[in-house]
Amino acid sequence: MSIIEYTLMNKNRPVLDFQYDLETHSIAKITDIHHLDFAPLAIFNPGGEVERKRVNDWWKNRAIPASRAQINQLKDKLKIESTLVLAEKNFGLSLSDRYWINDPANPQKWDEINFFDNDFSDDLGLITLGQDSSSWKDHPDLMSPNSTVDGALDKKWVIQEGKRLLVKSGSGFINQEVYNEVIATHLHRRLLQEQEYVSYDFYSEANRIYCACENMLRDDEELIPAWHLITSNKKPSSINDYQFLVSCYEKLGLANITETLSKMFVCDYLLGNFDRHWRNFGVIRNVETLEFTRIAPIFDTGNSLWCDKPSLDAPIDYEYEAKPFAHTKDPEKQLAILQDYAWIDASALEGFAQEAAEILRQNPNMPPARIKKIEAELERRSKRVV
């Protein structure tokens, strides 16, 4: 029998019941509604109605994406046709929110299974980080938040001294994204308050250098990507994407909106971040009170410093399409739409380009000539924003 009954939960609250097709790994039918106020924002259309398609989209985005480098190795090793199988086996549990699926025929308790409070195995993490899987057990423990980690780069959650750390790899031989995250942290530390960014540091495991950060969430919090906000609201044709984003944040009663957005996009410009898409920033909500408490701290800046360019010999090599705004993809023009620059301290940027170069020199695979070119471009951009 391929159809099973599930209940979507937010911690201990049932949100809705649905029929789930185990063959297609999709929601076949929503059968009952419970506490809809506590549902994921992503499942609502701009009219405030729940759509089965949106529930399915939300669920599919919960799985390890097909773009992940180790995806075929993982599927072959576990003999699964879809990574949604992993999400099914761990009840859809994540370390980015408090949602999960419960089986009424075999009910579980949040306090006993969630990954915020309970230990989890590293069996799945070995392969989701692209590490050697030769030591895998014949029957690995798949109860892990590594079943529901988004993003194209290899990564995994680990527990260290009671803290949940997200460990991330870079790509290719140079592994530059790892160093970029550490450089971004050094920039953020110069310009921003501690609570305004996620701090990344180097992390060594299995003779390889990664970067790692602590979970940004506090007790009873969830991260809501900006994509979920804008797709659950209707955009007036009279405003641009940036103005629409500000208006969505204003509806939530958040403070210091234009300054906070300015800080993120200015830092992205300085670092040449080409991947600040709509799912790569957002807001934080308390799942018990449903209060939107803050704009999420800046995270995930590894796709920067022209790490995707094989050479940096010509001006065109430094060009990229800025995200997320469709109406202005030029990084320089994106700066012009921001409304608040008063927070920038020009003196805080003195020596940053040199500091970034020193971090890149710790990478044994980074050509010295490339480092010099990145340093020069960082210097130019620092002068541009001040």
Protein backbone atom coordinates (compact mmCIF):
# COMPACT_ATOMS: atom_id res chain seq x y z
CA MET A 1 0.00 0.00 0.00
CA SER A 2 1.56 3.25 -1.12
CA ILE A 3 -0.77 5.70 0.66
CA ILE A 4 -0.17 6.52 4.31
CA GLU A 5 -1.76 9.02 6.68
CA TYR A 6 0.47 11.70 8.20
CA THR A 7 0.00 14.75 10.42
CA LEU A 8 2.13 17.81 9.87
CA MET A 9 3.28 19.04 13.28
CA ASN A 10 4.83 22.22 14.64
CA LYS A 11 6.51 20.95 17.80
CA ASN A 12 3.56 19.50 19.76
CA ARG A 13 0.79 21.14 17.71
CA PRO A 14 -0.92 19.30 14.86
CA VAL A 15 -1.22 21.59 11.85
CA LEU A 16 -2.98 19.49 9.22
CA ASP A 17 -3.56 15.87 8.21
CA PHE A 18 -2.73 14.56 4.76
CA GLN A 19 -2.49 11.44 2.67
CA TYR A 20 1.03 10.72 1.48
CA ASP A 21 2.02 8.65 -1.54
CA LEU A 22 5.16 6.65 -0.74
CA GLU A 23 5.73 5.86 -4.42
CA THR A 24 5.74 9.45 -5.67
CA HIS A 25 6.93 10.90 -2.33
CA SER A 26 4.24 13.57 -2.45
CA ILE A 27 1.15 14.77 -0.64
CA ALA A 28 -1.85 13.23 -2.37
CA LYS A 29 -4.62 14.96 -0.42
CA ILE A 30 -5.08 17.29 2.56
CA THR A 31 -7.72 15.61 4.71
CA ASP A 32 -8.12 17.81 7.80
CA ILE A 33 -7.05 21.14 9.24
CA HIS A 34 -6.06 21.70 12.87
CA HIS A 35 -3.92 24.66 14.02
CA LEU A 36 -3.32 26.41 10.73
CA ASP A 37 -1.82 29.51 12.37
CA PHE A 38 1.20 27.37 13.20
CA ALA A 39 1.70 26.12 9.63
CA PRO A 40 4.77 26.88 7.50
CA LEU A 41 4.30 30.23 5.79
CA ALA A 42 5.34 28.64 2.50
CA ILE A 43 2.13 26.64 2.11
CA PHE A 44 -0.13 29.73 1.89
CA ASN A 45 -0.95 31.55 -1.34
CA PRO A 46 -1.26 35.38 -1.40
CA GLY A 47 -4.94 34.99 -0.59
CA GLY A 48 -4.13 33.23 2.67
CA GLU A 49 -5.32 29.81 1.48
CA VAL A 50 -3.43 26.55 1.82
CA GLU A 51 -2.66 24.87 -1.50
CA ARG A 52 -1.69 21.22 -1.85
CA LYS A 53 0.88 22.17 -4.50
CA ARG A 54 2.53 24.58 -2.09
CA VAL A 55 2.60 21.93 0.63
CA ASN A 56 4.32 19.61 -1.83
CA ASP A 57 6.80 22.29 -2.89
CA TRP A 58 7.62 22.98 0.75
CA TRP A 59 8.09 19.27 1.41
CA LYS A 60 10.28 18.69 -1.67
CA ASN A 61 12.52 21.60 -0.74
CA ARG A 62 13.02 19.90 2.61
CA ALA A 63 15.03 17.11 0.99
CA ILE A 64 18.71 17.15 0.04
CA PRO A 65 18.70 18.90 -3.37
CA ALA A 66 19.58 17.16 -6.60
CA SER A 67 22.33 19.73 -7.16
CA ARG A 68 24.38 18.39 -4.24
CA ALA A 69 27.72 17.02 -5.46
CA GLN A 70 27.46 13.72 -3.57
CA ILE A 71 23.82 13.07 -4.43
CA ASN A 72 24.33 10.08 -6.75
CA GLN A 73 26.84 8.46 -4.41
CA LEU A 74 24.40 8.86 -1.54
CA LYS A 75 21.48 7.38 -3.48
CA ASP A 76 23.58 4.47 -4.71
CA LYS A 77 24.95 3.72 -1.27
CA LEU A 78 21.52 3.71 0.35
CA LYS A 79 19.73 2.19 -2.64
CA ILE A 80 17.07 4.92 -2.72
CA GLU A 81 15.47 6.58 -5.72
CA SER A 82 14.87 9.95 -4.03
CA THR A 83 16.38 11.84 -1.11
CA LEU A 84 12.83 12.41 0.09
CA VAL A 85 13.06 8.84 1.41
CA LEU A 86 15.58 10.15 3.96
CA ALA A 87 13.21 12.93 5.01
CA GLU A 88 10.46 10.34 5.45
CA LYS A 89 12.67 8.20 7.66
CA ASN A 90 13.60 11.06 10.00
CA PHE A 91 10.02 12.42 10.21
CA GLY A 92 11.06 15.49 8.18
CA LEU A 93 12.88 16.85 11.21
CA SER A 94 15.24 19.76 10.67
CA LEU A 95 17.49 22.12 12.62
CA SER A 96 16.10 25.14 10.75
CA ASP A 97 12.57 24.97 12.14
CA ARG A 98 10.27 22.88 14.36
CA TYR A 99 8.12 21.15 11.74
CA TRP A 100 7.87 17.38 11.37
CA ILE A 101 5.48 14.67 10.22
CA ASN A 102 3.83 12.28 12.64
CA ASP A 103 2.31 8.91 11.83
CA PRO A 104 -0.99 8.49 13.73
CA ALA A 105 -0.58 4.71 13.49
CA ASN A 106 2.80 4.92 15.23
CA PRO A 107 2.84 8.31 16.98
CA GLN A 108 6.05 9.95 18.16
CA LYS A 109 6.72 12.69 20.72
CA TRP A 110 8.57 15.90 19.81
CA ASP A 111 10.57 15.92 23.03
CA GLU A 112 11.89 12.43 22.31
CA ILE A 113 12.88 12.78 18.65
CA ASN A 114 13.80 16.39 17.82
CA PHE A 115 17.44 17.13 16.98
CA PHE A 116 17.68 20.33 19.00
CA ASP A 117 17.58 18.34 22.25
CA ASN A 118 18.49 14.78 21.27
CA ASP A 119 21.72 13.29 19.95
CA PHE A 120 21.97 12.02 16.40
CA SER A 121 24.28 9.74 14.44
CA ASP A 122 27.05 10.86 12.06
CA ASP A 123 26.42 7.88 9.74
CA LEU A 124 24.62 9.97 7.13
CA GLY A 125 26.87 12.97 7.69
CA LEU A 126 29.88 11.04 6.40
CA ILE A 127 28.49 11.02 2.90
CA THR A 128 26.56 14.31 2.93
CA LEU A 129 29.90 16.01 3.60
CA GLY A 130 31.54 13.99 0.84
CA GLN A 131 33.75 12.06 3.23
CA ASP A 132 34.95 8.49 2.89
CA SER A 133 31.98 6.20 3.31
CA SER A 134 33.99 2.95 3.35
CA SER A 135 33.52 2.76 7.11
CA TRP A 136 29.75 2.90 6.82
CA LYS A 137 27.70 0.34 8.60
CA ASP A 138 25.61 -2.09 6.59
CA HIS A 139 22.57 -0.53 8.19
CA PRO A 140 23.42 3.14 8.89
CA ASP A 141 21.39 5.18 11.34
CA LEU A 142 19.43 7.62 9.19
CA MET A 143 17.83 9.55 12.07
CA SER A 144 19.78 12.71 11.43
CA PRO A 145 19.18 16.37 10.50
CA ASN A 146 21.52 15.71 7.56
CA SER A 147 18.47 14.33 5.75
CA THR A 148 17.00 17.82 5.52
CA VAL A 149 19.92 20.20 4.83
CA ASP A 150 19.51 22.50 1.84
CA GLY A 151 22.21 23.84 -0.46
CA ALA A 152 24.44 22.64 -3.29
CA LEU A 153 27.70 22.39 -1.33
CA ASP A 154 28.44 19.31 0.76
CA LYS A 155 27.63 19.83 4.45
CA LYS A 156 26.51 18.14 7.63
CA TRP A 157 25.38 18.86 11.17
CA VAL A 158 27.52 17.70 14.09
CA ILE A 159 27.26 18.00 17.86
CA GLN A 160 30.30 19.47 19.60
CA GLU A 161 30.26 20.22 23.33
CA GLY A 162 26.47 20.19 23.22
CA LYS A 163 26.28 22.74 20.39
CA ARG A 164 24.84 22.04 16.94
CA LEU A 165 27.40 23.03 14.30
CA LEU A 166 26.84 23.13 10.55
CA VAL A 167 30.03 21.98 8.83
CA LYS A 168 30.45 23.02 5.18
CA SER A 169 32.83 22.04 2.42
CA GLY A 170 34.02 24.01 -0.57
CA SER A 171 34.10 22.85 -4.16
CA GLY A 172 36.83 21.57 -6.41
CA PHE A 173 40.54 21.45 -5.76
CA ILE A 174 40.87 24.98 -4.38
CA ASN A 175 38.08 24.63 -1.78
CA GLN A 176 37.81 28.44 -1.77
CA GLU A 177 34.27 28.74 -0.41
CA VAL A 178 35.47 27.56 3.01
CA TYR A 179 37.97 30.41 3.22
CA ASN A 180 35.44 32.87 1.85
CA GLU A 181 33.09 32.18 4.77
CA VAL A 182 35.86 32.95 7.25
CA ILE A 183 36.76 36.13 5.35
CA ALA A 184 33.09 37.18 5.38
CA THR A 185 33.05 36.72 9.15
CA HIS A 186 36.08 38.99 9.49
CA LEU A 187 34.34 41.64 7.37
CA HIS A 188 31.09 41.36 9.32
CA ARG A 189 33.01 41.61 12.58
CA ARG A 190 34.51 44.90 11.40
CA LEU A 191 31.23 46.50 10.30
CA LEU A 192 28.36 44.89 12.20
CA GLN A 193 27.11 43.97 15.64
CA GLU A 194 27.68 40.39 16.79
CA GLN A 195 24.00 39.44 16.56
CA GLU A 196 23.76 40.63 12.95
CA TYR A 197 25.77 37.82 11.36
CA VAL A 198 26.54 34.14 11.73
CA SER A 199 30.18 33.56 12.62
CA TYR A 200 32.15 30.93 10.67
CA ASP A 201 35.51 29.48 11.61
CA PHE A 202 37.77 26.77 10.23
CA TYR A 203 36.92 23.19 11.16
CA SER A 204 39.25 20.26 10.58
CA GLU A 205 38.09 16.67 10.12
CA ALA A 206 39.44 13.65 8.25
CA ASN A 207 42.52 15.59 7.08
CA ARG A 208 40.45 18.23 5.32
CA ILE A 209 39.63 21.86 6.13
CA TYR A 210 35.99 22.88 6.33
CA CYS A 211 34.19 25.84 7.88
CA ALA A 212 31.59 25.59 10.60
CA CYS A 213 29.04 27.78 12.34
CA GLU A 214 26.67 27.40 15.27
CA ASN A 215 22.95 27.13 14.68
CA MET A 216 21.55 30.67 14.52
CA LEU A 217 18.24 29.69 16.15
CA ARG A 218 17.38 30.20 19.81
CA ASP A 219 14.77 28.24 21.73
CA ASP A 220 11.43 27.85 19.92
CA GLU A 221 12.58 29.70 16.79
CA GLU A 222 12.32 28.94 13.09
CA LEU A 223 14.04 30.46 10.07
CA ILE A 224 11.63 31.65 7.40
CA PRO A 225 13.36 32.30 4.06
CA ALA A 226 12.46 35.55 2.28
CA TRP A 227 11.12 33.43 -0.58
CA HIS A 228 8.32 32.20 1.65
CA LEU A 229 7.42 35.79 2.54
CA ILE A 230 7.25 37.16 -0.97
CA THR A 231 5.40 34.18 -2.43
CA SER A 232 2.72 34.36 0.25
CA ASN A 233 2.10 38.06 -0.52
CA LYS A 234 0.92 39.72 -3.73
CA LYS A 235 3.37 42.18 -5.26
CA PRO A 236 1.83 45.43 -6.54
CA SER A 237 3.00 46.32 -10.04
CA SER A 238 3.81 49.85 -8.89
CA ILE A 239 6.82 48.86 -6.76
CA ASN A 240 10.11 47.11 -7.45
CA ASP A 241 11.43 43.93 -5.82
CA TYR A 242 13.38 45.77 -3.13
CA GLN A 243 10.39 47.91 -2.14
CA PHE A 244 8.21 44.81 -2.08
CA LEU A 245 10.65 43.05 0.25
CA VAL A 246 10.68 46.06 2.59
CA SER A 247 6.87 46.15 2.60
CA CYS A 248 6.71 42.42 3.46
CA TYR A 249 9.07 42.98 6.39
CA GLU A 250 7.07 46.02 7.53
CA LYS A 251 3.90 43.89 7.72
CA LEU A 252 5.68 41.70 10.26
CA GLY A 253 6.47 44.64 12.55
CA LEU A 254 10.23 44.24 12.24
CA ALA A 255 12.58 47.08 13.21
CA ASN A 256 15.50 48.74 11.37
CA ILE A 257 14.53 47.12 8.09
CA THR A 258 16.29 49.35 5.54
CA GLU A 259 19.46 49.58 7.62
CA THR A 260 19.61 45.81 8.14
CA LEU A 261 19.07 45.10 4.43
CA SER A 262 21.66 47.72 3.55
CA LYS A 263 24.20 46.01 5.79
CA MET A 264 23.65 42.65 4.12
CA PHE A 265 23.77 43.88 0.53
CA VAL A 266 26.71 46.24 1.08
CA CYS A 267 28.71 43.40 2.64
CA ASP A 268 27.67 41.17 -0.27
CA TYR A 269 28.92 43.80 -2.71
CA LEU A 270 32.24 44.12 -0.92
CA LEU A 271 32.72 40.35 -1.11
CA GLY A 272 31.35 39.87 -4.61
CA ASN A 273 28.64 37.50 -3.33
CA PHE A 274 26.81 36.13 -6.38
CA ASP A 275 24.39 33.83 -4.53
CA ARG A 276 22.20 35.91 -2.20
CA HIS A 277 19.04 34.31 -3.59
CA TRP A 278 15.63 34.54 -1.94
CA ARG A 279 16.17 31.40 0.15
CA ASN A 280 19.53 32.65 1.41
CA PHE A 281 18.22 35.23 3.87
CA GLY A 282 15.02 35.76 5.81
CA VAL A 283 13.39 36.35 9.17
CA ILE A 284 13.09 34.58 12.50
CA ARG A 285 9.74 33.64 14.08
CA ASN A 286 8.95 32.26 17.52
CA VAL A 287 6.88 29.12 16.91
CA GLU A 288 5.07 29.36 20.26
CA THR A 289 4.03 33.04 20.17
CA LEU A 290 4.11 33.36 16.34
CA GLU A 291 5.91 36.70 16.80
CA PHE A 292 8.41 37.68 14.12
CA THR A 293 11.24 38.57 16.44
CA ARG A 294 14.08 39.66 14.14
CA ILE A 295 15.60 39.66 10.71
CA ALA A 296 17.84 36.63 10.37
CA PRO A 297 21.55 37.28 10.80
CA ILE A 298 23.64 37.18 7.62
CA PHE A 299 24.64 33.64 6.73
CA ASP A 300 26.00 31.63 3.79
CA THR A 301 28.41 33.94 1.96
CA GLY A 302 30.77 31.29 0.63
CA ASN A 303 29.85 31.81 -3.03
CA SER A 304 31.84 35.00 -3.29
CA LEU A 305 35.29 36.42 -4.09
CA TRP A 306 34.88 35.17 -7.68
CA CYS A 307 35.40 31.55 -6.60
CA ASP A 308 33.48 30.37 -9.68
CA LYS A 309 35.85 32.09 -12.12
CA PRO A 310 38.82 30.05 -13.42
CA SER A 311 40.88 33.20 -13.98
CA LEU A 312 40.80 36.84 -12.95
CA ASP A 313 42.79 38.35 -15.80
CA ALA A 314 40.24 40.71 -17.36
CA PRO A 315 37.60 43.12 -16.01
CA ILE A 316 34.84 40.83 -17.28
CA ASP A 317 36.06 38.10 -14.91
CA TYR A 318 34.83 40.18 -11.97
CA GLU A 319 31.34 40.58 -13.38
CA TYR A 320 28.37 38.62 -12.04
CA GLU A 321 24.60 38.92 -11.68
CA ALA A 322 23.62 40.18 -8.26
CA LYS A 323 20.71 38.50 -6.50
CA PRO A 324 17.90 38.47 -5.55
CA PHE A 325 16.25 41.43 -7.28
CA ALA A 326 15.09 40.78 -10.84
CA HIS A 327 14.87 44.49 -11.66
CA THR A 328 18.54 45.22 -10.90
CA LYS A 329 21.10 42.46 -11.41
CA ASP A 330 24.08 44.81 -11.70
CA PRO A 331 25.95 44.80 -8.33
CA GLU A 332 26.77 48.52 -8.63
CA LYS A 333 23.15 49.40 -9.38
CA GLN A 334 21.96 47.25 -6.50
CA LEU A 335 23.91 49.51 -4.17
CA ALA A 336 22.00 52.51 -5.52
CA ILE A 337 18.58 51.17 -4.45
CA LEU A 338 19.58 50.87 -0.79
CA GLN A 339 18.22 53.58 1.47
CA ASP A 340 20.61 53.64 4.41
CA TYR A 341 24.38 54.07 4.41
CA ALA A 342 24.80 56.02 7.65
CA TRP A 343 25.97 52.91 9.50
CA ILE A 344 29.16 52.48 7.42
CA ASP A 345 32.38 53.28 9.28
CA ALA A 346 35.04 53.91 6.64
CA SER A 347 37.87 53.39 9.12
CA ALA A 348 36.59 49.85 9.84
CA LEU A 349 37.50 48.80 6.30
CA GLU A 350 41.14 49.89 6.57
CA GLY A 351 43.34 46.85 6.08
CA PHE A 352 40.47 44.49 5.29
CA ALA A 353 41.72 43.60 1.81
CA GLN A 354 45.09 42.66 3.29
CA GLU A 355 43.43 40.65 6.06
CA ALA A 356 41.40 38.73 3.49
CA ALA A 357 44.55 38.00 1.50
CA GLU A 358 46.25 36.61 4.60
CA ILE A 359 43.34 34.22 5.15
CA LEU A 360 43.47 33.07 1.53
CA ARG A 361 47.19 32.40 1.90
CA GLN A 362 46.33 29.75 4.47
CA ASN A 363 44.85 27.76 1.58
CA PRO A 364 47.70 25.62 0.19
CA ASN A 365 45.89 25.25 -3.13
CA MET A 366 45.33 28.95 -3.77
CA PRO A 367 47.67 30.46 -6.40
CA PRO A 368 49.49 33.56 -5.04
CA ALA A 369 48.73 35.54 -8.22
CA ARG A 370 45.00 34.93 -7.74
CA ILE A 371 45.18 36.13 -4.14
CA LYS A 372 46.82 39.39 -5.23
CA LYS A 373 44.07 40.03 -7.76
CA ILE A 374 41.33 39.39 -5.19
CA GLU A 375 43.09 41.69 -2.74
CA ALA A 376 43.21 44.48 -5.33
CA GLU A 377 39.51 44.12 -6.16
CA LEU A 378 38.57 44.14 -2.47
CA GLU A 379 40.53 47.34 -2.06
CA ARG A 380 38.69 48.93 -4.97
CA ARG A 381 35.29 47.91 -3.64
CA SER A 382 36.09 49.17 -0.15
CA LYS A 383 36.77 52.62 -1.60
CA ARG A 384 33.57 52.44 -3.67
CA VAL A 385 31.21 52.05 -0.71
CA VAL A 386 32.76 54.78 1.43
